[in-house]
């Protein structure tokens, strides 16, 4: 996984595509939010936001 992150960073740095970074961060945060709230009691409150 670390190799993928380093390769992605090298791609963004070389091609000057730093605008991809906020998109990737938001997607990772939303994905982890969905995974971590899947089995918890907070899940109904999170799903009402979307």
Protein backbone atom coordinates (compact mmCIF):
# COMPACT_ATOMS: atom_id res chain seq x y z
CA UNK A 1 0.00 0.00 0.00
CA UNK A 2 2.84 2.37 0.76
CA UNK A 3 4.32 1.79 -2.69
CA UNK A 4 1.02 2.79 -4.28
CA UNK A 5 0.90 6.02 -2.29
CA UNK A 6 4.48 6.90 -3.18
CA UNK A 7 3.85 6.16 -6.86
CA UNK A 8 0.69 8.27 -6.82
CA UNK A 9 2.55 11.16 -5.19
CA UNK A 10 5.36 10.90 -7.76
CA UNK A 11 2.77 10.98 -10.57
CA UNK A 12 1.06 14.06 -9.15
CA UNK A 13 4.36 15.83 -8.58
CA UNK A 14 5.70 15.08 -12.06
CA UNK A 15 2.50 15.90 -13.96
CA UNK A 16 1.59 18.92 -11.77
CA UNK A 17 -1.81 17.45 -10.89
CA UNK A 18 -1.99 18.56 -7.28
CA UNK A 19 -5.72 19.25 -7.66
CA UNK A 20 -6.25 15.46 -7.39
CA UNK A 21 -5.09 15.43 -3.76
CA UNK A 22 -8.26 16.93 -2.17
CA UNK A 23 -10.46 14.63 -4.25
CA UNK A 24 -8.52 11.55 -3.14
CA UNK A 25 -8.55 12.63 0.51
CA UNK A 26 -12.32 13.20 0.51
CA UNK A 27 -12.97 9.84 -1.15
CA UNK A 28 -10.77 8.03 1.38
CA UNK A 29 -12.46 9.78 4.31
CA UNK A 30 -15.96 8.99 3.05
CA UNK A 31 -15.02 5.39 2.37
CA UNK A 32 -13.52 4.92 5.83
CA UNK A 33 -16.55 6.58 7.42
CA UNK A 34 -18.85 4.09 5.72
CA UNK A 35 -16.67 1.12 6.66
CA UNK A 36 -16.24 2.10 10.31
CA UNK A 37 -19.91 2.91 10.92
CA UNK A 38 -21.21 -0.24 9.27
CA UNK A 39 -21.69 -2.16 12.52
CA UNK A 40 -22.05 0.61 15.06
CA UNK A 41 -25.03 2.29 16.69
CA UNK A 42 -24.07 5.57 15.03
CA UNK A 43 -24.83 4.22 11.54
CA UNK A 44 -28.48 5.45 11.34
CA UNK A 45 -27.37 9.00 12.17
CA UNK A 46 -24.57 8.96 9.58
CA UNK A 47 -26.87 7.71 6.82
CA UNK A 48 -29.32 10.54 7.41
CA UNK A 49 -26.59 12.98 6.36
CA UNK A 50 -26.51 11.49 2.88
